[in-house]
Amino acid sequence: MLEAGALHAVAREAWADIREGRAYGLKSVLLPLESELWARPELDHYRKRFEGERLGWKLSTLSSVGPDYAAVKIVGANALNRYLGRPRSMSTIALFDKVTLAPICLMDGTEISAARTATYATTMVDRFLSGRHGLSVFIFGAGPIAERVILGLGIFAHEAFSKVFIRSRSVDSAVRLAAKLTARVAFPLVVVDDNDELGGCDLVITASNAKKPVFDDAEANPRAVTLHLGGDETPAHYIQRVLKTGRLVCDDITMVSRRNSQSLALYFSKGQSTLETLGPLLGVSNFSDLGDEVQKREDEPLHITCVGLPMLDLYVAKYVYETFLKIEPNA
């Protein structure tokens, strides 16, 4: 029901309102102490399984207001959940009337959230790679977001993508994802267990839960678009190179900086500064601030960090409500 083409149009509307100041929001994150989790005797035996993976154990709230509605999304996440029979991340969205702030409905936002995140891929392809043919894509991750991203890429012209490579910590999960989606997209899905194909890819999307960078700078295509949707997945040398030779973009510099869990924000905080303070001076831009004249040169790298804007959640929730749930007075 959350069709990728429809959500791409919803995201376009959201970004237009963000640029004009008609939609805005904030995000807060509470991180429980990981030591409290492993202090539970019944969970201690899982600990070794997360040596190379972030738990991402957090309780987040994303609040936003648009022209007609307001919304609050509450997210509870823990990578341990997959061993406990639950999704890694679970969301609940409350939609409110804009004027009265009276609640209108409460909806399970888990799939809505994954679908919203995937609009970053369609938005950035549309913005920076539009009209290109035969693009090759490398996706790190095989979870719900990676699934939605792949389906999202399917909205573009048949000849837009020549091949999509999928790499995950577990080859089995990547194989399952490819098998699930092969019949639903026009481009070949190729499961890989190394980064040998990375250097030839035009678009790299990180949607994993890795604890450290998933590739080395020397492995990357020096002219690629990299869409960063996870945590600390891109290496410092890569960020340094893009600062010198390309363009760094955030969905929201302030939110990325204050969250301080993604590679770009960590690059600055480890240098005893912040992305929010120093980034704009070095040319880091908000996506909503880029004018239409700003395009990607074919010879430059582009790195886009997305923390997940509350406004996109609001607009997708609005779409779900108005399309599937709203009852007109005289219906």
C-alpha atoms as a PDB file:
ATOM      1  CA  MET A   1       0.000   0.000   0.000  1.00  0.00           C
ATOM      2  CA  LEU A   2       2.958   2.337   0.568  1.00  0.00           C
ATOM      3  CA  GLU A   3       3.759   2.550  -3.143  1.00  0.00           C
ATOM      4  CA  ALA A   4       7.181   4.065  -3.827  1.00  0.00           C
ATOM      5  CA  GLY A   5       6.071   6.419  -6.596  1.00  0.00           C
ATOM      6  CA  ALA A   6       3.334   7.936  -4.438  1.00  0.00           C
ATOM      7  CA  LEU A   7       5.723   8.406  -1.516  1.00  0.00           C
ATOM      8  CA  HIS A   8       8.296  10.016  -3.807  1.00  0.00           C
ATOM      9  CA  ALA A   9       5.649  12.635  -4.683  1.00  0.00           C
ATOM     10  CA  VAL A  10       4.829  13.053  -0.975  1.00  0.00           C
ATOM     11  CA  ALA A  11       8.501  13.642  -0.184  1.00  0.00           C
ATOM     12  CA  ARG A  12       8.745  16.202  -2.983  1.00  0.00           C
ATOM     13  CA  GLU A  13       5.844  18.102  -1.418  1.00  0.00           C
ATOM     14  CA  ALA A  14       7.472  17.888   2.012  1.00  0.00           C
ATOM     15  CA  TRP A  15      10.804  19.240   0.774  1.00  0.00           C
ATOM     16  CA  ALA A  16       9.061  22.124  -0.983  1.00  0.00           C
ATOM     17  CA  ASP A  17       7.347  23.098   2.278  1.00  0.00           C
ATOM     18  CA  ILE A  18      10.570  22.678   4.261  1.00  0.00           C
ATOM     19  CA  ARG A  19      12.350  25.078   1.886  1.00  0.00           C
ATOM     20  CA  GLU A  20       9.579  27.628   2.282  1.00  0.00           C
ATOM     21  CA  GLY A  21       9.465  27.286   6.074  1.00  0.00           C
ATOM     22  CA  ARG A  22       5.948  25.833   6.055  1.00  0.00           C
ATOM     23  CA  ALA A  23       7.106  22.587   7.698  1.00  0.00           C
ATOM     24  CA  TYR A  24       9.551  22.278  10.577  1.00  0.00           C
ATOM     25  CA  GLY A  25      10.347  19.995  13.456  1.00  0.00           C
ATOM     26  CA  LEU A  26      12.792  18.673  16.013  1.00  0.00           C
ATOM     27  CA  LYS A  27      14.230  15.350  17.099  1.00  0.00           C
ATOM     28  CA  SER A  28      15.404  14.064  20.465  1.00  0.00           C
ATOM     29  CA  VAL A  29      17.043  10.767  21.353  1.00  0.00           C
ATOM     30  CA  LEU A  30      17.446   8.994  24.681  1.00  0.00           C
ATOM     31  CA  LEU A  31      20.104   6.291  24.822  1.00  0.00           C
ATOM     32  CA  PRO A  32      19.772   3.772  27.680  1.00  0.00           C
ATOM     33  CA  LEU A  33      23.078   2.539  29.084  1.00  0.00           C
ATOM     34  CA  GLU A  34      24.180  -0.565  27.201  1.00  0.00           C
ATOM     35  CA  SER A  35      25.677  -1.959  30.404  1.00  0.00           C
ATOM     36  CA  GLU A  36      22.144  -2.189  31.810  1.00  0.00           C
ATOM     37  CA  LEU A  37      21.159  -4.502  28.973  1.00  0.00           C
ATOM     38  CA  TRP A  38      24.063  -6.916  29.368  1.00  0.00           C
ATOM     39  CA  ALA A  39      23.599  -6.952  33.152  1.00  0.00           C
ATOM     40  CA  ARG A  40      20.456  -9.010  32.551  1.00  0.00           C
ATOM     41  CA  PRO A  41      21.509 -12.676  32.905  1.00  0.00           C
ATOM     42  CA  GLU A  42      18.986 -13.888  30.340  1.00  0.00           C
ATOM     43  CA  LEU A  43      20.512 -11.609  27.660  1.00  0.00           C
ATOM     44  CA  ASP A  44      24.239 -11.881  28.356  1.00  0.00           C
ATOM     45  CA  HIS A  45      24.751 -14.759  25.899  1.00  0.00           C
ATOM     46  CA  TYR A  46      23.767 -12.443  23.003  1.00  0.00           C
ATOM     47  CA  ARG A  47      26.583 -10.006  23.747  1.00  0.00           C
ATOM     48  CA  LYS A  48      29.276 -11.567  21.542  1.00  0.00           C
ATOM     49  CA  ARG A  49      26.976 -11.401  18.534  1.00  0.00           C
ATOM     50  CA  PHE A  50      27.180  -7.603  18.565  1.00  0.00           C
ATOM     51  CA  GLU A  51      30.928  -7.107  18.519  1.00  0.00           C
ATOM     52  CA  GLY A  52      30.796  -5.620  14.999  1.00  0.00           C
ATOM     53  CA  GLU A  53      27.340  -4.107  15.154  1.00  0.00           C
ATOM     54  CA  ARG A  54      25.697  -1.187  16.894  1.00  0.00           C
ATOM     55  CA  LEU A  55      22.842  -2.068  19.170  1.00  0.00           C
ATOM     56  CA  GLY A  56      21.227   1.223  18.299  1.00  0.00           C
ATOM     57  CA  TRP A  57      19.298   0.931  21.569  1.00  0.00           C
ATOM     58  CA  LYS A  58      17.378   4.186  21.735  1.00  0.00           C
ATOM     59  CA  LEU A  59      14.069   5.864  22.381  1.00  0.00           C
ATOM     60  CA  SER A  60      13.499   8.735  19.953  1.00  0.00           C
ATOM     61  CA  THR A  61      10.785  11.341  19.546  1.00  0.00           C
ATOM     62  CA  LEU A  62      10.304  13.266  16.317  1.00  0.00           C
ATOM     63  CA  SER A  63       7.896  16.209  16.439  1.00  0.00           C
ATOM     64  CA  SER A  64       6.832  18.271  13.435  1.00  0.00           C
ATOM     65  CA  VAL A  65       4.293  20.774  12.209  1.00  0.00           C
ATOM     66  CA  GLY A  66       3.081  21.431   8.662  1.00  0.00           C
ATOM     67  CA  PRO A  67       0.380  23.574   7.059  1.00  0.00           C
ATOM     68  CA  ASP A  68      -2.550  21.348   8.097  1.00  0.00           C
ATOM     69  CA  TYR A  69      -1.334  18.760  10.585  1.00  0.00           C
ATOM     70  CA  ALA A  70       1.202  18.102  13.300  1.00  0.00           C
ATOM     71  CA  ALA A  71       2.728  14.751  14.237  1.00  0.00           C
ATOM     72  CA  VAL A  72       4.828  13.049  16.861  1.00  0.00           C
ATOM     73  CA  LYS A  73       6.646   9.829  16.072  1.00  0.00           C
ATOM     74  CA  ILE A  74       7.987   7.693  18.898  1.00  0.00           C
ATOM     75  CA  VAL A  75      10.663   5.176  17.942  1.00  0.00           C
ATOM     76  CA  GLY A  76      11.940   2.328  20.071  1.00  0.00           C
ATOM     77  CA  ALA A  77      14.901   0.487  18.570  1.00  0.00           C
ATOM     78  CA  ASN A  78      17.332  -2.255  19.510  1.00  0.00           C
ATOM     79  CA  ALA A  79      19.235  -4.549  17.145  1.00  0.00           C
ATOM     80  CA  LEU A  80      18.774  -7.282  19.745  1.00  0.00           C
ATOM     81  CA  ASN A  81      15.102  -7.374  18.760  1.00  0.00           C
ATOM     82  CA  ARG A  82      15.725  -9.638  15.777  1.00  0.00           C
ATOM     83  CA  TYR A  83      16.709 -12.416  18.209  1.00  0.00           C
ATOM     84  CA  LEU A  84      13.552 -11.728  20.205  1.00  0.00           C
ATOM     85  CA  GLY A  85      11.117 -11.978  17.308  1.00  0.00           C
ATOM     86  CA  ARG A  86      10.527  -8.262  16.835  1.00  0.00           C
ATOM     87  CA  PRO A  87      11.594  -5.641  14.260  1.00  0.00           C
ATOM     88  CA  ARG A  88      14.837  -3.837  15.085  1.00  0.00           C
ATOM     89  CA  SER A  89      12.983  -0.532  15.059  1.00  0.00           C
ATOM     90  CA  MET A  90       9.326   0.008  15.957  1.00  0.00           C
ATOM     91  CA  SER A  91       7.490   3.293  15.539  1.00  0.00           C
ATOM     92  CA  THR A  92       4.206   4.802  16.622  1.00  0.00           C
ATOM     93  CA  ILE A  93       2.892   7.972  14.967  1.00  0.00           C
ATOM     94  CA  ALA A  94       0.273  10.287  16.442  1.00  0.00           C
ATOM     95  CA  LEU A  95      -1.308  12.713  13.965  1.00  0.00           C
ATOM     96  CA  PHE A  96      -2.838  15.964  15.234  1.00  0.00           C
ATOM     97  CA  ASP A  97      -4.955  18.789  13.856  1.00  0.00           C
ATOM     98  CA  LYS A  98      -2.676  21.779  13.196  1.00  0.00           C
ATOM     99  CA  VAL A  99      -4.869  24.459  14.812  1.00  0.00           C
ATOM    100  CA  THR A 100      -6.240  22.735  17.910  1.00  0.00           C
ATOM    101  CA  LEU A 101      -3.497  20.117  18.222  1.00  0.00           C
ATOM    102  CA  ALA A 102      -6.285  17.671  19.006  1.00  0.00           C
ATOM    103  CA  PRO A 103      -5.305  14.073  18.195  1.00  0.00           C
ATOM    104  CA  ILE A 104      -6.791  12.681  14.999  1.00  0.00           C
ATOM    105  CA  CYS A 105      -5.398   9.160  14.883  1.00  0.00           C
ATOM    106  CA  LEU A 106      -2.686   6.837  16.121  1.00  0.00           C
ATOM    107  CA  MET A 107      -0.934   4.561  13.644  1.00  0.00           C
ATOM    108  CA  ASP A 108       1.749   1.897  13.653  1.00  0.00           C
ATOM    109  CA  GLY A 109       4.652   3.733  12.043  1.00  0.00           C
ATOM    110  CA  THR A 110       7.142   0.884  11.638  1.00  0.00           C
ATOM    111  CA  GLU A 111       6.658   0.312   7.916  1.00  0.00           C
ATOM    112  CA  ILE A 112       5.770   3.952   7.375  1.00  0.00           C
ATOM    113  CA  SER A 113       9.144   4.926   8.845  1.00  0.00           C
ATOM    114  CA  ALA A 114      11.112   2.568   6.593  1.00  0.00           C
ATOM    115  CA  ALA A 115       9.195   3.773   3.547  1.00  0.00           C
ATOM    116  CA  ARG A 116       9.819   7.404   4.517  1.00  0.00           C
ATOM    117  CA  THR A 117      13.558   6.784   4.842  1.00  0.00           C
ATOM    118  CA  ALA A 118      13.634   5.198   1.393  1.00  0.00           C
ATOM    119  CA  THR A 119      12.359   8.459  -0.115  1.00  0.00           C
ATOM    120  CA  TYR A 120      15.830   9.864   0.501  1.00  0.00           C
ATOM    121  CA  ALA A 121      17.114   7.513  -2.195  1.00  0.00           C
ATOM    122  CA  THR A 122      14.482   8.456  -4.772  1.00  0.00           C
ATOM    123  CA  THR A 123      14.809  12.154  -3.904  1.00  0.00           C
ATOM    124  CA  MET A 124      18.590  12.203  -4.309  1.00  0.00           C
ATOM    125  CA  VAL A 125      18.566  10.164  -7.506  1.00  0.00           C
ATOM    126  CA  ASP A 126      15.930  12.503  -8.907  1.00  0.00           C
ATOM    127  CA  ARG A 127      17.934  15.559  -7.833  1.00  0.00           C
ATOM    128  CA  PHE A 128      21.501  14.589  -8.691  1.00  0.00           C
ATOM    129  CA  LEU A 129      21.415  11.643 -11.120  1.00  0.00           C
ATOM    130  CA  SER A 130      18.320  12.432 -13.161  1.00  0.00           C
ATOM    131  CA  GLY A 131      18.583  11.456 -16.797  1.00  0.00           C
ATOM    132  CA  ARG A 132      21.554   9.153 -16.292  1.00  0.00           C
ATOM    133  CA  HIS A 133      21.404   5.649 -17.756  1.00  0.00           C
ATOM    134  CA  GLY A 134      23.081   2.406 -16.760  1.00  0.00           C
ATOM    135  CA  LEU A 135      23.872   3.456 -13.200  1.00  0.00           C
ATOM    136  CA  SER A 136      25.294   0.830 -10.876  1.00  0.00           C
ATOM    137  CA  VAL A 137      24.330   0.863  -7.204  1.00  0.00           C
ATOM    138  CA  PHE A 138      25.932  -0.654  -4.099  1.00  0.00           C
ATOM    139  CA  ILE A 139      23.728  -1.077  -1.012  1.00  0.00           C
ATOM    140  CA  PHE A 140      25.107  -1.948   2.418  1.00  0.00           C
ATOM    141  CA  GLY A 141      22.347  -3.609   4.417  1.00  0.00           C
ATOM    142  CA  ALA A 142      19.498  -6.053   3.850  1.00  0.00           C
ATOM    143  CA  GLY A 143      16.875  -4.889   6.320  1.00  0.00           C
ATOM    144  CA  PRO A 144      13.538  -3.096   5.875  1.00  0.00           C
ATOM    145  CA  ILE A 145      15.131   0.174   4.761  1.00  0.00           C
ATOM    146  CA  ALA A 146      17.299  -1.539   2.142  1.00  0.00           C
ATOM    147  CA  GLU A 147      14.194  -3.341   0.894  1.00  0.00           C
ATOM    148  CA  ARG A 148      12.244  -0.103   0.565  1.00  0.00           C
ATOM    149  CA  VAL A 149      15.215   1.619  -1.093  1.00  0.00           C
ATOM    150  CA  ILE A 150      15.429  -1.075  -3.774  1.00  0.00           C
ATOM    151  CA  LEU A 151      11.703  -0.868  -4.446  1.00  0.00           C
ATOM    152  CA  GLY A 152      12.039   2.909  -4.588  1.00  0.00           C
ATOM    153  CA  LEU A 153      14.717   2.741  -7.270  1.00  0.00           C
ATOM    154  CA  GLY A 154      12.173   0.841  -9.335  1.00  0.00           C
ATOM    155  CA  ILE A 155      10.174   4.027  -9.992  1.00  0.00           C
ATOM    156  CA  PHE A 156      12.786   5.310 -12.412  1.00  0.00           C
ATOM    157  CA  ALA A 157      13.073   4.519 -16.107  1.00  0.00           C
ATOM    158  CA  HIS A 158      13.867   0.928 -17.058  1.00  0.00           C
ATOM    159  CA  GLU A 159      17.329   1.893 -18.326  1.00  0.00           C
ATOM    160  CA  ALA A 160      18.287   4.028 -15.304  1.00  0.00           C
ATOM    161  CA  PHE A 161      20.022   1.210 -13.393  1.00  0.00           C
ATOM    162  CA  SER A 162      22.124  -1.567 -14.841  1.00  0.00           C
ATOM    163  CA  LYS A 163      22.786  -3.478 -11.619  1.00  0.00           C
ATOM    164  CA  VAL A 164      22.256  -3.238  -7.853  1.00  0.00           C
ATOM    165  CA  PHE A 165      24.729  -4.974  -5.550  1.00  0.00           C
ATOM    166  CA  ILE A 166      23.644  -5.946  -2.032  1.00  0.00           C
ATOM    167  CA  ARG A 167      26.074  -6.592   0.792  1.00  0.00           C
ATOM    168  CA  SER A 168      25.100  -7.429   4.364  1.00  0.00           C
ATOM    169  CA  ARG A 169      26.854  -8.786   7.439  1.00  0.00           C
ATOM    170  CA  SER A 170      24.959 -11.989   6.727  1.00  0.00           C
ATOM    171  CA  VAL A 171      25.133 -13.249   3.163  1.00  0.00           C
ATOM    172  CA  ASP A 172      21.987 -15.260   3.863  1.00  0.00           C
ATOM    173  CA  SER A 173      19.955 -12.134   4.635  1.00  0.00           C
ATOM    174  CA  ALA A 174      21.170 -10.485   1.426  1.00  0.00           C
ATOM    175  CA  VAL A 175      20.253 -13.606  -0.546  1.00  0.00           C
ATOM    176  CA  ARG A 176      16.779 -13.641   0.996  1.00  0.00           C
ATOM    177  CA  LEU A 177      16.245  -9.985   0.162  1.00  0.00           C
ATOM    178  CA  ALA A 178      17.362 -10.432  -3.435  1.00  0.00           C
ATOM    179  CA  ALA A 179      15.099 -13.445  -3.877  1.00  0.00           C
ATOM    180  CA  LYS A 180      12.157 -11.538  -2.410  1.00  0.00           C
ATOM    181  CA  LEU A 181      12.541  -8.526  -4.700  1.00  0.00           C
ATOM    182  CA  THR A 182      13.941  -9.911  -7.965  1.00  0.00           C
ATOM    183  CA  ALA A 183      10.525 -10.214  -9.599  1.00  0.00           C
ATOM    184  CA  ARG A 184       9.499  -6.718  -8.461  1.00  0.00           C
ATOM    185  CA  VAL A 185      12.271  -4.639 -10.065  1.00  0.00           C
ATOM    186  CA  ALA A 186      13.603  -4.362 -13.615  1.00  0.00           C
ATOM    187  CA  PHE A 187      17.306  -4.331 -12.719  1.00  0.00           C
ATOM    188  CA  PRO A 188      19.428  -7.324 -11.628  1.00  0.00           C
ATOM    189  CA  LEU A 189      20.064  -7.749  -7.894  1.00  0.00           C
ATOM    190  CA  VAL A 190      23.510  -9.188  -7.189  1.00  0.00           C
ATOM    191  CA  VAL A 191      24.530 -10.416  -3.734  1.00  0.00           C
ATOM    192  CA  VAL A 192      28.211  -9.875  -2.880  1.00  0.00           C
ATOM    193  CA  ASP A 193      30.314 -10.648   0.176  1.00  0.00           C
ATOM    194  CA  ASP A 194      33.103  -8.101  -0.417  1.00  0.00           C
ATOM    195  CA  ASN A 195      33.617  -4.581  -1.757  1.00  0.00           C
ATOM    196  CA  ASP A 196      35.278  -5.502  -5.047  1.00  0.00           C
ATOM    197  CA  GLU A 197      32.411  -3.999  -7.077  1.00  0.00           C
ATOM    198  CA  LEU A 198      32.231  -0.804  -5.027  1.00  0.00           C
ATOM    199  CA  GLY A 199      34.759   1.154  -7.058  1.00  0.00           C
ATOM    200  CA  GLY A 200      32.636   0.896 -10.187  1.00  0.00           C
ATOM    201  CA  CYS A 201      29.372   2.024  -8.598  1.00  0.00           C
ATOM    202  CA  ASP A 202      27.817   5.432  -9.240  1.00  0.00           C
ATOM    203  CA  LEU A 203      25.551   5.370  -6.179  1.00  0.00           C
ATOM    204  CA  VAL A 204      26.421   3.930  -2.753  1.00  0.00           C
ATOM    205  CA  ILE A 205      23.732   3.648  -0.072  1.00  0.00           C
ATOM    206  CA  THR A 206      24.585   2.707   3.512  1.00  0.00           C
ATOM    207  CA  ALA A 207      21.584   1.284   5.349  1.00  0.00           C
ATOM    208  CA  SER A 208      23.274  -1.034   7.802  1.00  0.00           C
ATOM    209  CA  ASN A 209      23.700  -1.073  11.558  1.00  0.00           C
ATOM    210  CA  ALA A 210      27.499  -1.288  11.453  1.00  0.00           C
ATOM    211  CA  LYS A 211      29.661  -0.123  14.350  1.00  0.00           C
ATOM    212  CA  LYS A 212      32.449   1.146  12.100  1.00  0.00           C
ATOM    213  CA  PRO A 213      32.929   2.179   8.457  1.00  0.00           C
ATOM    214  CA  VAL A 214      31.864  -0.465   5.951  1.00  0.00           C
ATOM    215  CA  PHE A 215      34.377   0.489   3.252  1.00  0.00           C
ATOM    216  CA  ASP A 216      37.799   2.095   2.833  1.00  0.00           C
ATOM    217  CA  ASP A 217      38.239   5.308   0.908  1.00  0.00           C
ATOM    218  CA  ALA A 218      40.496   3.554  -1.598  1.00  0.00           C
ATOM    219  CA  GLU A 219      37.657   1.131  -2.431  1.00  0.00           C
ATOM    220  CA  ALA A 220      35.163   3.845  -3.346  1.00  0.00           C
ATOM    221  CA  ASN A 221      34.457   5.360  -6.738  1.00  0.00           C
ATOM    222  CA  PRO A 222      35.988   8.867  -6.412  1.00  0.00           C
ATOM    223  CA  ARG A 223      33.009  10.361  -8.298  1.00  0.00           C
ATOM    224  CA  ALA A 224      30.163   8.474  -6.614  1.00  0.00           C
ATOM    225  CA  VAL A 225      27.097   9.763  -4.822  1.00  0.00           C
ATOM    226  CA  THR A 226      27.060   8.265  -1.324  1.00  0.00           C
ATOM    227  CA  LEU A 227      23.791   8.345   0.592  1.00  0.00           C
ATOM    228  CA  HIS A 228      24.447   7.752   4.287  1.00  0.00           C
ATOM    229  CA  LEU A 229      21.362   6.459   6.123  1.00  0.00           C
ATOM    230  CA  GLY A 230      22.966   4.605   9.033  1.00  0.00           C
ATOM    231  CA  GLY A 231      25.501   5.265  11.783  1.00  0.00           C
ATOM    232  CA  ASP A 232      29.284   5.370  11.554  1.00  0.00           C
ATOM    233  CA  GLU A 233      29.534   3.786   8.098  1.00  0.00           C
ATOM    234  CA  THR A 234      31.809   6.066   6.061  1.00  0.00           C
ATOM    235  CA  PRO A 235      35.539   6.453   6.850  1.00  0.00           C
ATOM    236  CA  ALA A 236      37.259   9.680   7.907  1.00  0.00           C
ATOM    237  CA  HIS A 237      39.630   9.652   4.899  1.00  0.00           C
ATOM    238  CA  TYR A 238      36.633   9.524   2.604  1.00  0.00           C
ATOM    239  CA  ILE A 239      35.051  12.534   4.335  1.00  0.00           C
ATOM    240  CA  GLN A 240      38.346  14.438   4.126  1.00  0.00           C
ATOM    241  CA  ARG A 241      38.554  13.772   0.379  1.00  0.00           C
ATOM    242  CA  VAL A 242      34.979  14.882  -0.259  1.00  0.00           C
ATOM    243  CA  LEU A 243      35.601  18.057   1.756  1.00  0.00           C
ATOM    244  CA  LYS A 244      38.498  18.867  -0.594  1.00  0.00           C
ATOM    245  CA  THR A 245      37.158  17.693  -3.944  1.00  0.00           C
ATOM    246  CA  GLY A 246      33.381  17.428  -3.738  1.00  0.00           C
ATOM    247  CA  ARG A 247      30.279  18.367  -1.803  1.00  0.00           C
ATOM    248  CA  LEU A 248      28.918  17.355   1.597  1.00  0.00           C
ATOM    249  CA  VAL A 249      25.178  17.661   2.189  1.00  0.00           C
ATOM    250  CA  CYS A 250      22.908  16.936   5.191  1.00  0.00           C
ATOM    251  CA  ASP A 251      19.161  16.663   5.404  1.00  0.00           C
ATOM    252  CA  ASP A 252      19.575  18.936   8.442  1.00  0.00           C
ATOM    253  CA  ILE A 253      23.023  19.985   9.683  1.00  0.00           C
ATOM    254  CA  THR A 254      21.797  20.859  13.182  1.00  0.00           C
ATOM    255  CA  MET A 255      19.972  17.562  13.715  1.00  0.00           C
ATOM    256  CA  VAL A 256      22.865  15.505  12.308  1.00  0.00           C
ATOM    257  CA  SER A 257      25.340  17.390  14.503  1.00  0.00           C
ATOM    258  CA  ARG A 258      23.380  17.114  17.723  1.00  0.00           C
ATOM    259  CA  ARG A 259      22.585  13.451  17.161  1.00  0.00           C
ATOM    260  CA  ASN A 260      26.374  12.907  16.792  1.00  0.00           C
ATOM    261  CA  SER A 261      26.129   9.233  15.859  1.00  0.00           C
ATOM    262  CA  GLN A 262      26.837   9.347  12.116  1.00  0.00           C
ATOM    263  CA  SER A 263      30.217   9.478  10.436  1.00  0.00           C
ATOM    264  CA  LEU A 264      30.100  13.116   9.373  1.00  0.00           C
ATOM    265  CA  ALA A 265      29.136  14.433  12.816  1.00  0.00           C
ATOM    266  CA  LEU A 266      31.676  12.133  14.487  1.00  0.00           C
ATOM    267  CA  TYR A 267      34.405  13.386  12.152  1.00  0.00           C
ATOM    268  CA  PHE A 268      33.967  16.898  13.541  1.00  0.00           C
ATOM    269  CA  SER A 269      33.330  15.945  17.177  1.00  0.00           C
ATOM    270  CA  LYS A 270      36.456  13.782  17.264  1.00  0.00           C
ATOM    271  CA  GLY A 271      38.335  16.869  16.111  1.00  0.00           C
ATOM    272  CA  GLN A 272      37.069  18.804  19.150  1.00  0.00           C
ATOM    273  CA  SER A 273      34.508  20.786  17.182  1.00  0.00           C
ATOM    274  CA  THR A 274      30.978  20.201  15.909  1.00  0.00           C
ATOM    275  CA  LEU A 275      29.469  19.789  12.483  1.00  0.00           C
ATOM    276  CA  GLU A 276      26.988  22.531  13.361  1.00  0.00           C
ATOM    277  CA  THR A 277      29.801  25.016  14.140  1.00  0.00           C
ATOM    278  CA  LEU A 278      32.476  24.196  11.587  1.00  0.00           C
ATOM    279  CA  GLY A 279      30.642  22.349   8.814  1.00  0.00           C
ATOM    280  CA  PRO A 280      28.977  25.332   7.102  1.00  0.00           C
ATOM    281  CA  LEU A 281      32.308  27.210   7.095  1.00  0.00           C
ATOM    282  CA  LEU A 282      33.814  24.302   5.161  1.00  0.00           C
ATOM    283  CA  GLY A 283      30.975  24.154   2.666  1.00  0.00           C
ATOM    284  CA  VAL A 284      28.643  21.570   4.213  1.00  0.00           C
ATOM    285  CA  SER A 285      25.103  22.394   3.054  1.00  0.00           C
ATOM    286  CA  ASN A 286      21.536  21.629   4.029  1.00  0.00           C
ATOM    287  CA  PHE A 287      19.739  19.883   1.194  1.00  0.00           C
ATOM    288  CA  SER A 288      16.825  22.308   1.491  1.00  0.00           C
ATOM    289  CA  ASP A 289      19.208  25.262   1.018  1.00  0.00           C
ATOM    290  CA  LEU A 290      20.581  24.085  -2.323  1.00  0.00           C
ATOM    291  CA  GLY A 291      19.328  26.126  -5.228  1.00  0.00           C
ATOM    292  CA  ASP A 292      18.172  24.505  -8.442  1.00  0.00           C
ATOM    293  CA  GLU A 293      21.372  25.656 -10.122  1.00  0.00           C
ATOM    294  CA  VAL A 294      23.483  23.419  -7.846  1.00  0.00           C
ATOM    295  CA  GLN A 295      24.106  20.183  -9.713  1.00  0.00           C
ATOM    296  CA  LYS A 296      26.586  17.371  -9.291  1.00  0.00           C
ATOM    297  CA  ARG A 297      29.530  17.566 -11.653  1.00  0.00           C
ATOM    298  CA  GLU A 298      30.363  14.176 -13.113  1.00  0.00           C
ATOM    299  CA  ASP A 299      33.927  14.356 -11.751  1.00  0.00           C
ATOM    300  CA  GLU A 300      33.062  15.268  -8.139  1.00  0.00           C
ATOM    301  CA  PRO A 301      32.059  13.071  -5.184  1.00  0.00           C
ATOM    302  CA  LEU A 302      28.862  13.856  -3.301  1.00  0.00           C
ATOM    303  CA  HIS A 303      28.175  12.630   0.215  1.00  0.00           C
ATOM    304  CA  ILE A 304      24.685  13.045   1.709  1.00  0.00           C
ATOM    305  CA  THR A 305      24.056  12.336   5.409  1.00  0.00           C
ATOM    306  CA  CYS A 306      20.439  11.846   6.486  1.00  0.00           C
ATOM    307  CA  VAL A 307      19.414  11.663  10.120  1.00  0.00           C
ATOM    308  CA  GLY A 308      15.703  11.301   9.320  1.00  0.00           C
ATOM    309  CA  LEU A 309      13.585  14.442   9.318  1.00  0.00           C
ATOM    310  CA  PRO A 310      10.390  14.525  11.419  1.00  0.00           C
ATOM    311  CA  MET A 311       8.722  16.504   8.617  1.00  0.00           C
ATOM    312  CA  LEU A 312       8.998  13.569   6.221  1.00  0.00           C
ATOM    313  CA  ASP A 313       7.273  11.370   8.805  1.00  0.00           C
ATOM    314  CA  LEU A 314       4.515  13.957   9.095  1.00  0.00           C
ATOM    315  CA  TYR A 315       3.887  14.092   5.357  1.00  0.00           C
ATOM    316  CA  VAL A 316       3.883  10.322   4.905  1.00  0.00           C
ATOM    317  CA  ALA A 317       1.538   9.968   7.909  1.00  0.00           C
ATOM    318  CA  LYS A 318      -0.695  12.654   6.377  1.00  0.00           C
ATOM    319  CA  TYR A 319      -0.724  10.695   3.105  1.00  0.00           C
ATOM    320  CA  VAL A 320      -1.645   7.448   4.884  1.00  0.00           C
ATOM    321  CA  TYR A 321      -4.401   9.159   6.861  1.00  0.00           C
ATOM    322  CA  GLU A 322      -5.950  11.006   3.924  1.00  0.00           C
ATOM    323  CA  THR A 323      -5.648   8.062   1.527  1.00  0.00           C
ATOM    324  CA  PHE A 324      -6.724   5.164   3.711  1.00  0.00           C
ATOM    325  CA  LEU A 325      -8.271   6.373   6.976  1.00  0.00           C
ATOM    326  CA  LYS A 326     -10.004   9.722   6.612  1.00  0.00           C
ATOM    327  CA  ILE A 327     -13.820   9.623   6.565  1.00  0.00           C
ATOM    328  CA  GLU A 328     -15.395  12.552   4.772  1.00  0.00           C
ATOM    329  CA  PRO A 329     -18.345  14.146   6.665  1.00  0.00           C
ATOM    330  CA  ASN A 330     -20.942  13.298   3.981  1.00  0.00           C
ATOM    331  CA  ALA A 331     -19.486   9.970   2.889  1.00  0.00           C
END
